[in-house]
N, C-alpha and C. Protein backbone atom coordinates (compact mmCIF):
# COMPACT_ATOMS: atom_id res chain seq x y z
N MET A 1 -8.40 -5.28 -27.47
CA MET A 1 -8.83 -4.50 -26.33
C MET A 1 -9.20 -3.09 -26.78
N SER A 2 -10.31 -2.60 -26.28
CA SER A 2 -10.76 -1.27 -26.70
C SER A 2 -10.07 -0.18 -25.87
N LEU A 3 -9.99 0.98 -26.47
CA LEU A 3 -9.38 2.13 -25.82
C LEU A 3 -10.34 2.72 -24.79
N PRO A 4 -9.80 3.38 -23.77
CA PRO A 4 -10.67 4.09 -22.82
C PRO A 4 -11.49 5.15 -23.55
N LYS A 5 -12.71 5.36 -23.06
CA LYS A 5 -13.60 6.36 -23.66
C LYS A 5 -13.38 7.71 -22.98
N LEU A 6 -13.15 8.73 -23.79
CA LEU A 6 -12.94 10.10 -23.32
C LEU A 6 -14.06 10.97 -23.85
N ALA A 7 -14.53 11.90 -23.00
CA ALA A 7 -15.57 12.84 -23.42
C ALA A 7 -15.25 14.22 -22.85
N THR A 8 -15.79 15.24 -23.49
CA THR A 8 -15.75 16.60 -22.95
C THR A 8 -17.13 17.20 -23.13
N ILE A 9 -17.54 18.04 -22.17
CA ILE A 9 -18.78 18.79 -22.34
C ILE A 9 -18.52 20.24 -21.99
N TRP A 10 -19.39 21.09 -22.49
CA TRP A 10 -19.26 22.53 -22.32
C TRP A 10 -20.57 23.04 -21.76
N LEU A 11 -20.53 23.56 -20.54
CA LEU A 11 -21.71 24.14 -19.91
C LEU A 11 -21.65 25.65 -20.11
N ASP A 12 -21.84 26.44 -19.04
CA ASP A 12 -21.84 27.90 -19.14
C ASP A 12 -20.41 28.42 -19.00
N GLY A 13 -19.81 28.78 -20.11
CA GLY A 13 -18.45 29.29 -20.14
C GLY A 13 -18.15 29.77 -21.55
N CYS A 14 -16.90 30.08 -21.79
CA CYS A 14 -16.53 30.74 -23.06
C CYS A 14 -15.97 29.81 -24.12
N SER A 15 -15.73 28.56 -23.83
CA SER A 15 -15.13 27.55 -24.70
C SER A 15 -13.61 27.65 -24.74
N GLY A 16 -13.03 28.53 -23.95
CA GLY A 16 -11.57 28.69 -23.93
C GLY A 16 -10.84 27.43 -23.51
N CYS A 17 -11.43 26.66 -22.63
CA CYS A 17 -10.79 25.41 -22.20
C CYS A 17 -10.71 24.41 -23.35
N HIS A 18 -11.78 24.32 -24.14
CA HIS A 18 -11.74 23.45 -25.30
C HIS A 18 -10.71 23.94 -26.32
N MET A 19 -10.59 25.24 -26.46
CA MET A 19 -9.58 25.79 -27.37
C MET A 19 -8.17 25.47 -26.86
N SER A 20 -7.99 25.52 -25.54
CA SER A 20 -6.69 25.17 -24.96
C SER A 20 -6.40 23.69 -25.14
N LEU A 21 -7.43 22.85 -25.12
CA LEU A 21 -7.26 21.43 -25.42
C LEU A 21 -6.72 21.26 -26.83
N LEU A 22 -7.23 22.03 -27.76
CA LEU A 22 -6.72 21.96 -29.14
C LEU A 22 -5.28 22.45 -29.23
N ASP A 23 -4.86 23.31 -28.29
CA ASP A 23 -3.48 23.80 -28.27
C ASP A 23 -2.47 22.70 -27.93
N VAL A 24 -2.96 21.51 -27.60
CA VAL A 24 -2.06 20.37 -27.38
C VAL A 24 -1.33 20.05 -28.69
N ASP A 25 -1.89 20.53 -29.80
CA ASP A 25 -1.30 20.42 -31.13
C ASP A 25 -1.01 18.98 -31.53
N GLU A 26 0.21 18.70 -31.99
CA GLU A 26 0.52 17.37 -32.52
C GLU A 26 0.43 16.27 -31.47
N ARG A 27 0.43 16.63 -30.20
CA ARG A 27 0.26 15.62 -29.14
C ARG A 27 -1.14 15.03 -29.16
N LEU A 28 -2.07 15.67 -29.87
CA LEU A 28 -3.40 15.08 -30.04
C LEU A 28 -3.30 13.71 -30.71
N LEU A 29 -2.33 13.56 -31.60
CA LEU A 29 -2.13 12.26 -32.25
C LEU A 29 -1.75 11.20 -31.24
N GLN A 30 -0.93 11.56 -30.27
CA GLN A 30 -0.56 10.63 -29.20
C GLN A 30 -1.80 10.25 -28.39
N LEU A 31 -2.67 11.23 -28.13
CA LEU A 31 -3.89 10.96 -27.37
C LEU A 31 -4.84 10.05 -28.13
N THR A 32 -4.90 10.16 -29.45
CA THR A 32 -5.79 9.30 -30.23
C THR A 32 -5.37 7.84 -30.15
N ALA A 33 -4.09 7.60 -29.87
CA ALA A 33 -3.63 6.22 -29.69
C ALA A 33 -3.93 5.70 -28.28
N MET A 34 -4.27 6.61 -27.37
CA MET A 34 -4.50 6.24 -25.97
C MET A 34 -5.97 6.21 -25.58
N ALA A 35 -6.84 6.93 -26.33
CA ALA A 35 -8.25 7.05 -25.94
C ALA A 35 -9.10 7.28 -27.17
N ASP A 36 -10.37 6.95 -27.02
CA ASP A 36 -11.35 7.17 -28.07
C ASP A 36 -12.24 8.33 -27.63
N LEU A 37 -12.19 9.46 -28.33
CA LEU A 37 -13.02 10.61 -28.02
C LEU A 37 -14.43 10.31 -28.50
N VAL A 38 -15.33 10.01 -27.54
CA VAL A 38 -16.66 9.53 -27.90
C VAL A 38 -17.74 10.60 -27.84
N TYR A 39 -17.43 11.74 -27.18
CA TYR A 39 -18.42 12.81 -27.09
C TYR A 39 -17.69 14.11 -26.79
N SER A 40 -18.04 15.17 -27.53
CA SER A 40 -17.38 16.46 -27.34
C SER A 40 -17.97 17.45 -28.34
N PRO A 41 -17.84 18.76 -28.06
CA PRO A 41 -18.19 19.71 -29.11
C PRO A 41 -17.26 19.58 -30.32
N LEU A 42 -16.16 18.85 -30.14
CA LEU A 42 -15.18 18.68 -31.21
C LEU A 42 -15.47 17.48 -32.11
N VAL A 43 -16.48 16.67 -31.77
CA VAL A 43 -16.85 15.51 -32.58
C VAL A 43 -18.35 15.57 -32.89
N ASP A 44 -18.82 14.70 -33.75
CA ASP A 44 -20.18 14.78 -34.25
C ASP A 44 -21.22 14.03 -33.42
N ASN A 45 -20.82 13.18 -32.50
CA ASN A 45 -21.77 12.39 -31.72
C ASN A 45 -22.68 13.32 -30.92
N LYS A 46 -23.99 13.16 -31.04
CA LYS A 46 -24.96 14.03 -30.37
C LYS A 46 -25.52 13.43 -29.09
N VAL A 47 -25.23 12.16 -28.82
CA VAL A 47 -25.78 11.49 -27.65
C VAL A 47 -24.63 11.07 -26.74
N TYR A 48 -24.70 11.49 -25.47
CA TYR A 48 -23.66 11.13 -24.52
C TYR A 48 -23.76 9.63 -24.22
N PRO A 49 -22.67 8.89 -24.45
CA PRO A 49 -22.75 7.44 -24.29
C PRO A 49 -22.66 6.99 -22.83
N ASP A 50 -22.97 5.73 -22.61
CA ASP A 50 -22.78 5.11 -21.30
C ASP A 50 -21.32 4.72 -21.14
N ASP A 51 -20.91 4.52 -19.91
CA ASP A 51 -19.59 3.96 -19.59
C ASP A 51 -18.41 4.76 -20.14
N VAL A 52 -18.46 6.08 -19.97
CA VAL A 52 -17.32 6.92 -20.34
C VAL A 52 -16.29 6.81 -19.23
N ASP A 53 -15.03 6.65 -19.59
CA ASP A 53 -13.98 6.51 -18.59
C ASP A 53 -13.59 7.85 -17.97
N ILE A 54 -13.40 8.88 -18.80
CA ILE A 54 -12.98 10.20 -18.32
C ILE A 54 -13.78 11.26 -19.06
N VAL A 55 -14.34 12.20 -18.31
CA VAL A 55 -15.02 13.34 -18.92
C VAL A 55 -14.42 14.63 -18.34
N PHE A 56 -14.11 15.56 -19.23
CA PHE A 56 -13.69 16.90 -18.84
C PHE A 56 -14.92 17.80 -18.97
N VAL A 57 -15.35 18.43 -17.86
CA VAL A 57 -16.52 19.29 -17.85
C VAL A 57 -16.06 20.74 -17.78
N GLU A 58 -16.29 21.47 -18.85
CA GLU A 58 -15.97 22.90 -18.91
C GLU A 58 -17.22 23.71 -18.60
N GLY A 59 -17.08 24.74 -17.79
CA GLY A 59 -18.16 25.68 -17.55
C GLY A 59 -18.87 25.45 -16.23
N ALA A 60 -19.62 26.47 -15.84
CA ALA A 60 -20.38 26.45 -14.60
C ALA A 60 -21.79 25.93 -14.88
N VAL A 61 -22.51 25.64 -13.80
CA VAL A 61 -23.89 25.16 -13.89
C VAL A 61 -24.80 26.36 -13.65
N SER A 62 -25.41 26.86 -14.72
CA SER A 62 -26.21 28.08 -14.64
C SER A 62 -27.69 27.90 -14.95
N THR A 63 -28.02 26.84 -15.67
CA THR A 63 -29.40 26.64 -16.10
C THR A 63 -29.91 25.27 -15.71
N ASP A 64 -31.22 25.09 -15.82
CA ASP A 64 -31.79 23.78 -15.54
C ASP A 64 -31.24 22.73 -16.52
N GLU A 65 -30.96 23.14 -17.76
CA GLU A 65 -30.37 22.21 -18.74
C GLU A 65 -28.95 21.80 -18.33
N ASP A 66 -28.14 22.77 -17.85
CA ASP A 66 -26.79 22.45 -17.36
C ASP A 66 -26.88 21.46 -16.21
N LEU A 67 -27.80 21.70 -15.30
CA LEU A 67 -27.96 20.85 -14.11
C LEU A 67 -28.31 19.42 -14.51
N ALA A 68 -29.29 19.26 -15.38
CA ALA A 68 -29.67 17.91 -15.82
C ALA A 68 -28.53 17.24 -16.58
N ARG A 69 -27.85 18.00 -17.39
CA ARG A 69 -26.77 17.45 -18.21
C ARG A 69 -25.61 16.96 -17.37
N VAL A 70 -25.16 17.77 -16.41
CA VAL A 70 -24.01 17.37 -15.60
C VAL A 70 -24.36 16.19 -14.69
N LYS A 71 -25.60 16.12 -14.23
CA LYS A 71 -26.01 14.97 -13.42
C LYS A 71 -26.02 13.69 -14.26
N MET A 72 -26.51 13.78 -15.50
CA MET A 72 -26.52 12.63 -16.39
C MET A 72 -25.09 12.20 -16.70
N VAL A 73 -24.23 13.17 -17.02
CA VAL A 73 -22.84 12.87 -17.34
C VAL A 73 -22.15 12.19 -16.16
N ARG A 74 -22.42 12.65 -14.95
CA ARG A 74 -21.80 12.03 -13.77
C ARG A 74 -22.20 10.58 -13.64
N THR A 75 -23.47 10.25 -13.91
CA THR A 75 -23.91 8.86 -13.76
C THR A 75 -23.32 7.95 -14.83
N ARG A 76 -22.89 8.52 -15.95
CA ARG A 76 -22.38 7.71 -17.05
C ARG A 76 -20.85 7.76 -17.18
N SER A 77 -20.18 8.40 -16.22
CA SER A 77 -18.72 8.58 -16.33
C SER A 77 -18.02 8.11 -15.06
N ARG A 78 -16.89 7.46 -15.26
CA ARG A 78 -16.11 6.95 -14.13
C ARG A 78 -15.31 8.06 -13.45
N ILE A 79 -14.61 8.90 -14.21
CA ILE A 79 -13.80 9.99 -13.67
C ILE A 79 -14.31 11.30 -14.27
N LEU A 80 -14.67 12.25 -13.39
CA LEU A 80 -15.14 13.55 -13.84
C LEU A 80 -14.11 14.60 -13.45
N VAL A 81 -13.65 15.36 -14.43
CA VAL A 81 -12.66 16.41 -14.24
C VAL A 81 -13.37 17.76 -14.39
N ALA A 82 -13.33 18.59 -13.34
CA ALA A 82 -13.82 19.97 -13.45
C ALA A 82 -12.73 20.74 -14.18
N PHE A 83 -13.03 21.17 -15.38
CA PHE A 83 -12.06 21.63 -16.37
C PHE A 83 -12.13 23.14 -16.51
N GLY A 84 -11.19 23.86 -15.88
CA GLY A 84 -11.12 25.31 -15.97
C GLY A 84 -11.81 26.01 -14.82
N ASP A 85 -11.53 27.30 -14.69
CA ASP A 85 -12.02 28.08 -13.55
C ASP A 85 -13.54 28.19 -13.50
N CYS A 86 -14.22 28.22 -14.64
CA CYS A 86 -15.68 28.31 -14.59
C CYS A 86 -16.27 27.06 -13.93
N ALA A 87 -15.73 25.89 -14.24
CA ALA A 87 -16.20 24.65 -13.63
C ALA A 87 -15.78 24.54 -12.16
N VAL A 88 -14.59 25.04 -11.85
CA VAL A 88 -14.03 24.91 -10.50
C VAL A 88 -14.60 25.94 -9.53
N THR A 89 -14.75 27.20 -9.99
CA THR A 89 -15.14 28.29 -9.07
C THR A 89 -16.35 29.09 -9.54
N THR A 90 -16.87 28.88 -10.68
CA THR A 90 -17.91 29.60 -11.42
C THR A 90 -17.35 30.78 -12.19
N ASN A 91 -16.22 31.32 -11.81
CA ASN A 91 -15.52 32.39 -12.52
C ASN A 91 -16.49 33.42 -13.12
N VAL A 92 -16.37 33.75 -14.38
CA VAL A 92 -17.18 34.82 -14.99
C VAL A 92 -18.68 34.50 -14.96
N PRO A 93 -19.15 33.28 -15.29
CA PRO A 93 -20.60 33.04 -15.22
C PRO A 93 -21.17 33.30 -13.83
N GLY A 94 -20.37 33.11 -12.80
CA GLY A 94 -20.84 33.34 -11.43
C GLY A 94 -20.96 34.80 -11.05
N MET A 95 -20.47 35.69 -11.89
CA MET A 95 -20.56 37.12 -11.57
C MET A 95 -22.01 37.59 -11.50
N ARG A 96 -22.91 36.91 -12.17
CA ARG A 96 -24.32 37.30 -12.13
C ARG A 96 -24.96 36.97 -10.78
N ASN A 97 -24.32 36.14 -9.96
CA ASN A 97 -24.91 35.75 -8.68
C ASN A 97 -25.24 36.95 -7.81
N ALA A 98 -24.46 37.99 -7.89
CA ALA A 98 -24.69 39.19 -7.08
C ALA A 98 -25.95 39.94 -7.52
N PHE A 99 -26.44 39.66 -8.74
CA PHE A 99 -27.57 40.41 -9.28
C PHE A 99 -28.88 39.63 -9.31
N GLY A 100 -28.85 38.37 -8.98
CA GLY A 100 -30.05 37.55 -9.09
C GLY A 100 -30.06 36.85 -10.43
N GLY A 101 -30.64 35.69 -10.48
CA GLY A 101 -30.51 34.91 -11.69
C GLY A 101 -31.76 34.68 -12.49
N ASP A 102 -32.93 34.76 -11.90
CA ASP A 102 -34.14 34.43 -12.64
C ASP A 102 -34.47 35.50 -13.67
N ALA A 103 -35.02 35.06 -14.79
CA ALA A 103 -35.48 36.01 -15.80
C ALA A 103 -36.48 36.95 -15.12
N GLY A 104 -36.41 38.21 -15.45
CA GLY A 104 -37.26 39.20 -14.81
C GLY A 104 -36.52 39.99 -13.75
N GLN A 105 -35.38 39.47 -13.31
CA GLN A 105 -34.57 40.17 -12.33
C GLN A 105 -33.87 41.35 -13.01
N PRO A 106 -33.33 42.27 -12.24
CA PRO A 106 -32.71 43.48 -12.82
C PRO A 106 -31.63 43.20 -13.87
N LEU A 107 -30.80 42.19 -13.66
CA LEU A 107 -29.75 41.89 -14.62
C LEU A 107 -30.34 41.54 -15.98
N TYR A 108 -31.37 40.72 -15.99
CA TYR A 108 -31.98 40.31 -17.25
C TYR A 108 -32.77 41.47 -17.88
N GLN A 109 -33.41 42.27 -17.05
CA GLN A 109 -34.10 43.45 -17.56
C GLN A 109 -33.11 44.34 -18.30
N ARG A 110 -31.95 44.58 -17.70
CA ARG A 110 -30.94 45.45 -18.30
C ARG A 110 -30.35 44.83 -19.57
N ALA A 111 -30.03 43.54 -19.51
CA ALA A 111 -29.35 42.88 -20.62
C ALA A 111 -30.26 42.66 -21.82
N TYR A 112 -31.52 42.29 -21.58
CA TYR A 112 -32.37 41.88 -22.68
C TYR A 112 -33.45 42.89 -23.08
N VAL A 113 -33.74 43.84 -22.21
CA VAL A 113 -34.78 44.80 -22.55
C VAL A 113 -34.20 46.20 -22.68
N ASP A 114 -33.58 46.70 -21.63
CA ASP A 114 -33.06 48.07 -21.65
C ASP A 114 -32.03 48.28 -22.74
N ASN A 115 -31.14 47.33 -22.95
CA ASN A 115 -30.07 47.49 -23.94
C ASN A 115 -30.58 47.47 -25.38
N VAL A 116 -31.78 47.02 -25.59
CA VAL A 116 -32.32 46.97 -26.94
C VAL A 116 -32.40 48.37 -27.55
N THR A 117 -32.57 49.37 -26.72
CA THR A 117 -32.66 50.72 -27.26
C THR A 117 -31.36 51.14 -27.93
N PHE A 118 -30.26 50.47 -27.62
CA PHE A 118 -28.98 50.79 -28.24
C PHE A 118 -28.84 50.17 -29.64
N VAL A 119 -29.65 49.19 -29.97
CA VAL A 119 -29.61 48.53 -31.27
C VAL A 119 -31.03 48.58 -31.84
N PRO A 120 -31.37 49.65 -32.53
CA PRO A 120 -32.74 49.77 -33.08
C PRO A 120 -33.08 48.60 -34.00
N GLY A 121 -34.33 48.18 -33.95
CA GLY A 121 -34.80 47.12 -34.82
C GLY A 121 -34.86 45.76 -34.16
N ILE A 122 -34.20 45.60 -33.02
CA ILE A 122 -34.27 44.32 -32.31
C ILE A 122 -35.40 44.42 -31.29
N PRO A 123 -36.37 43.52 -31.34
CA PRO A 123 -37.50 43.62 -30.42
C PRO A 123 -37.06 43.36 -28.97
N ALA A 124 -37.67 44.06 -28.04
CA ALA A 124 -37.38 43.90 -26.62
C ALA A 124 -38.11 42.67 -26.11
N VAL A 125 -37.43 41.55 -26.07
CA VAL A 125 -38.03 40.29 -25.65
C VAL A 125 -37.17 39.68 -24.56
N MET A 126 -37.80 39.34 -23.46
CA MET A 126 -37.08 38.64 -22.40
C MET A 126 -36.79 37.21 -22.89
N PRO A 127 -35.71 36.61 -22.44
CA PRO A 127 -35.28 35.30 -22.98
C PRO A 127 -36.02 34.10 -22.41
N THR A 128 -37.10 34.32 -21.69
CA THR A 128 -37.73 33.20 -20.98
C THR A 128 -38.23 32.10 -21.90
N GLU A 129 -38.60 32.40 -23.13
CA GLU A 129 -39.12 31.36 -24.01
C GLU A 129 -38.07 30.78 -24.94
N ARG A 130 -36.95 31.44 -25.09
CA ARG A 130 -35.94 30.96 -26.03
C ARG A 130 -34.72 30.38 -25.34
N LEU A 131 -34.52 30.68 -24.08
CA LEU A 131 -33.35 30.19 -23.35
C LEU A 131 -33.78 29.28 -22.22
N PRO A 132 -32.89 28.38 -21.79
CA PRO A 132 -33.23 27.54 -20.64
C PRO A 132 -33.42 28.41 -19.39
N HIS A 133 -34.20 27.89 -18.47
CA HIS A 133 -34.44 28.60 -17.21
C HIS A 133 -33.14 28.68 -16.40
N HIS A 134 -32.79 29.88 -15.97
CA HIS A 134 -31.60 30.06 -15.15
C HIS A 134 -31.87 29.67 -13.71
N LEU A 135 -30.89 29.03 -13.10
CA LEU A 135 -30.98 28.72 -11.68
C LEU A 135 -30.85 30.01 -10.88
N PRO A 136 -31.30 30.04 -9.63
CA PRO A 136 -31.15 31.25 -8.82
C PRO A 136 -29.70 31.70 -8.67
N LYS A 137 -28.77 30.74 -8.68
CA LYS A 137 -27.35 31.06 -8.60
C LYS A 137 -26.58 30.15 -9.54
N THR A 138 -25.51 30.67 -10.12
CA THR A 138 -24.59 29.84 -10.89
C THR A 138 -23.77 29.03 -9.89
N LEU A 139 -23.55 27.77 -10.19
CA LEU A 139 -22.86 26.86 -9.27
C LEU A 139 -21.61 26.26 -9.91
N ALA A 140 -20.59 26.05 -9.09
CA ALA A 140 -19.44 25.27 -9.52
C ALA A 140 -19.88 23.82 -9.65
N VAL A 141 -19.23 23.08 -10.50
CA VAL A 141 -19.63 21.70 -10.78
C VAL A 141 -19.66 20.86 -9.50
N HIS A 142 -18.67 21.03 -8.60
CA HIS A 142 -18.63 20.20 -7.39
C HIS A 142 -19.76 20.51 -6.40
N LYS A 143 -20.50 21.58 -6.61
CA LYS A 143 -21.66 21.87 -5.77
C LYS A 143 -22.87 21.05 -6.20
N VAL A 144 -22.76 20.40 -7.36
CA VAL A 144 -23.88 19.66 -7.93
C VAL A 144 -23.61 18.16 -7.99
N VAL A 145 -22.40 17.79 -8.37
CA VAL A 145 -22.02 16.37 -8.49
C VAL A 145 -20.63 16.18 -7.91
N ASP A 146 -20.29 14.94 -7.64
CA ASP A 146 -18.94 14.63 -7.17
C ASP A 146 -17.95 14.86 -8.30
N VAL A 147 -16.84 15.50 -7.94
CA VAL A 147 -15.75 15.77 -8.88
C VAL A 147 -14.54 14.97 -8.43
N ASP A 148 -13.87 14.32 -9.36
CA ASP A 148 -12.71 13.51 -9.03
C ASP A 148 -11.40 14.29 -9.14
N VAL A 149 -11.32 15.18 -10.12
CA VAL A 149 -10.09 15.94 -10.35
C VAL A 149 -10.47 17.37 -10.69
N PHE A 150 -9.76 18.32 -10.10
CA PHE A 150 -9.96 19.74 -10.40
C PHE A 150 -8.79 20.21 -11.24
N LEU A 151 -9.09 20.83 -12.36
CA LEU A 151 -8.08 21.34 -13.26
C LEU A 151 -8.33 22.84 -13.45
N PRO A 152 -7.86 23.66 -12.47
CA PRO A 152 -8.13 25.10 -12.56
C PRO A 152 -7.29 25.77 -13.64
N GLY A 153 -7.65 27.00 -13.95
CA GLY A 153 -6.96 27.80 -14.94
C GLY A 153 -7.98 28.44 -15.86
N CYS A 154 -7.62 29.56 -16.43
CA CYS A 154 -8.55 30.28 -17.30
C CYS A 154 -7.83 30.68 -18.59
N PRO A 155 -7.68 29.71 -19.46
CA PRO A 155 -7.89 28.27 -19.33
C PRO A 155 -6.64 27.60 -18.77
N PRO A 156 -6.75 26.32 -18.39
CA PRO A 156 -5.54 25.59 -18.04
C PRO A 156 -4.62 25.53 -19.27
N SER A 157 -3.34 25.49 -19.04
CA SER A 157 -2.41 25.43 -20.18
C SER A 157 -2.53 24.09 -20.90
N ALA A 158 -2.18 24.09 -22.16
CA ALA A 158 -2.21 22.86 -22.95
C ALA A 158 -1.32 21.79 -22.33
N ASP A 159 -0.18 22.20 -21.77
CA ASP A 159 0.72 21.22 -21.15
C ASP A 159 0.07 20.57 -19.93
N ILE A 160 -0.61 21.36 -19.11
CA ILE A 160 -1.27 20.79 -17.92
C ILE A 160 -2.43 19.89 -18.34
N ILE A 161 -3.19 20.31 -19.34
CA ILE A 161 -4.28 19.47 -19.84
C ILE A 161 -3.73 18.14 -20.34
N PHE A 162 -2.70 18.19 -21.15
CA PHE A 162 -2.11 16.98 -21.72
C PHE A 162 -1.56 16.07 -20.61
N ASP A 163 -0.77 16.64 -19.71
CA ASP A 163 -0.18 15.84 -18.63
C ASP A 163 -1.25 15.21 -17.75
N THR A 164 -2.31 15.95 -17.45
CA THR A 164 -3.40 15.42 -16.63
C THR A 164 -4.11 14.28 -17.35
N LEU A 165 -4.41 14.48 -18.60
CA LEU A 165 -5.11 13.46 -19.38
C LEU A 165 -4.28 12.20 -19.52
N VAL A 166 -3.00 12.34 -19.83
CA VAL A 166 -2.13 11.17 -19.95
C VAL A 166 -2.04 10.42 -18.62
N ALA A 167 -1.87 11.16 -17.53
CA ALA A 167 -1.80 10.50 -16.22
C ALA A 167 -3.07 9.72 -15.93
N LEU A 168 -4.22 10.32 -16.17
CA LEU A 168 -5.49 9.62 -15.92
C LEU A 168 -5.65 8.41 -16.82
N LEU A 169 -5.27 8.52 -18.07
CA LEU A 169 -5.37 7.38 -19.00
C LEU A 169 -4.43 6.26 -18.61
N GLU A 170 -3.30 6.62 -18.01
CA GLU A 170 -2.33 5.60 -17.55
C GLU A 170 -2.63 5.12 -16.14
N GLY A 171 -3.69 5.64 -15.51
CA GLY A 171 -4.05 5.20 -14.17
C GLY A 171 -3.21 5.82 -13.07
N ARG A 172 -2.51 6.90 -13.39
CA ARG A 172 -1.69 7.60 -12.39
C ARG A 172 -2.42 8.84 -11.90
N PRO A 173 -2.14 9.28 -10.67
CA PRO A 173 -2.71 10.55 -10.23
C PRO A 173 -2.06 11.70 -10.98
N PRO A 174 -2.86 12.67 -11.42
CA PRO A 174 -2.29 13.83 -12.11
C PRO A 174 -1.47 14.67 -11.13
N VAL A 175 -0.35 15.19 -11.58
CA VAL A 175 0.54 15.97 -10.73
C VAL A 175 0.06 17.40 -10.60
N ALA A 176 -0.28 18.04 -11.71
CA ALA A 176 -0.60 19.47 -11.69
C ALA A 176 -2.02 19.75 -11.24
N ALA A 177 -2.90 18.81 -11.43
CA ALA A 177 -4.30 19.02 -11.06
C ALA A 177 -4.49 18.74 -9.57
N GLU A 178 -5.45 19.39 -8.98
CA GLU A 178 -5.79 19.12 -7.59
C GLU A 178 -6.76 17.95 -7.57
N GLN A 179 -6.43 16.93 -6.80
CA GLN A 179 -7.33 15.80 -6.68
C GLN A 179 -8.10 15.94 -5.38
N ALA A 180 -9.38 15.69 -5.46
CA ALA A 180 -10.21 15.73 -4.27
C ALA A 180 -11.54 15.10 -4.60
N ARG A 181 -12.24 14.74 -3.59
CA ARG A 181 -13.60 14.23 -3.74
C ARG A 181 -14.45 15.09 -2.84
N PHE A 182 -15.17 16.05 -3.40
CA PHE A 182 -16.01 16.93 -2.61
C PHE A 182 -17.44 16.41 -2.59
N GLY A 183 -18.09 16.61 -1.47
CA GLY A 183 -19.53 16.35 -1.41
C GLY A 183 -20.26 17.49 -2.06
N LYS A 184 -21.54 17.32 -2.20
CA LYS A 184 -22.35 18.37 -2.84
C LYS A 184 -22.45 19.59 -1.98
């Protein structure tokens, strides 16, 4: 019998949730006996597989690439966990919502053009050709796709991550995580 397939993805956020996952330390060995990590920034697989049992989604949805990615991941995953405050509430990535999100808006003018004068030698280039198109607003994951489990925290503690993952792998409801099914 094959092990359940586990995946993690990282959208717009700081990667702190993935670092907290690594803080599970030696309990990672216990998890390797319970699940097969098939996709993650922590492994080499570059293509998100079909039929993933559990995916932890870190980060907010800020770009057209994030939007397409999280929608694809939802269609290929049985249980989707919004992993950390950026995924649950937009947290820091959502702070730009007050300033407008499209390239050319004041926030981008200040960040990519005006600030260049502080670092001589860097050309003043707007990110429109090198970065994905930003959505008008950064969105929490549940505003885009159905979320099965919310795991808030900035980042969630390693103990809560471990307990939630073990419960889901064993088919039990997680105790520390908030369970809900939100519409878009």
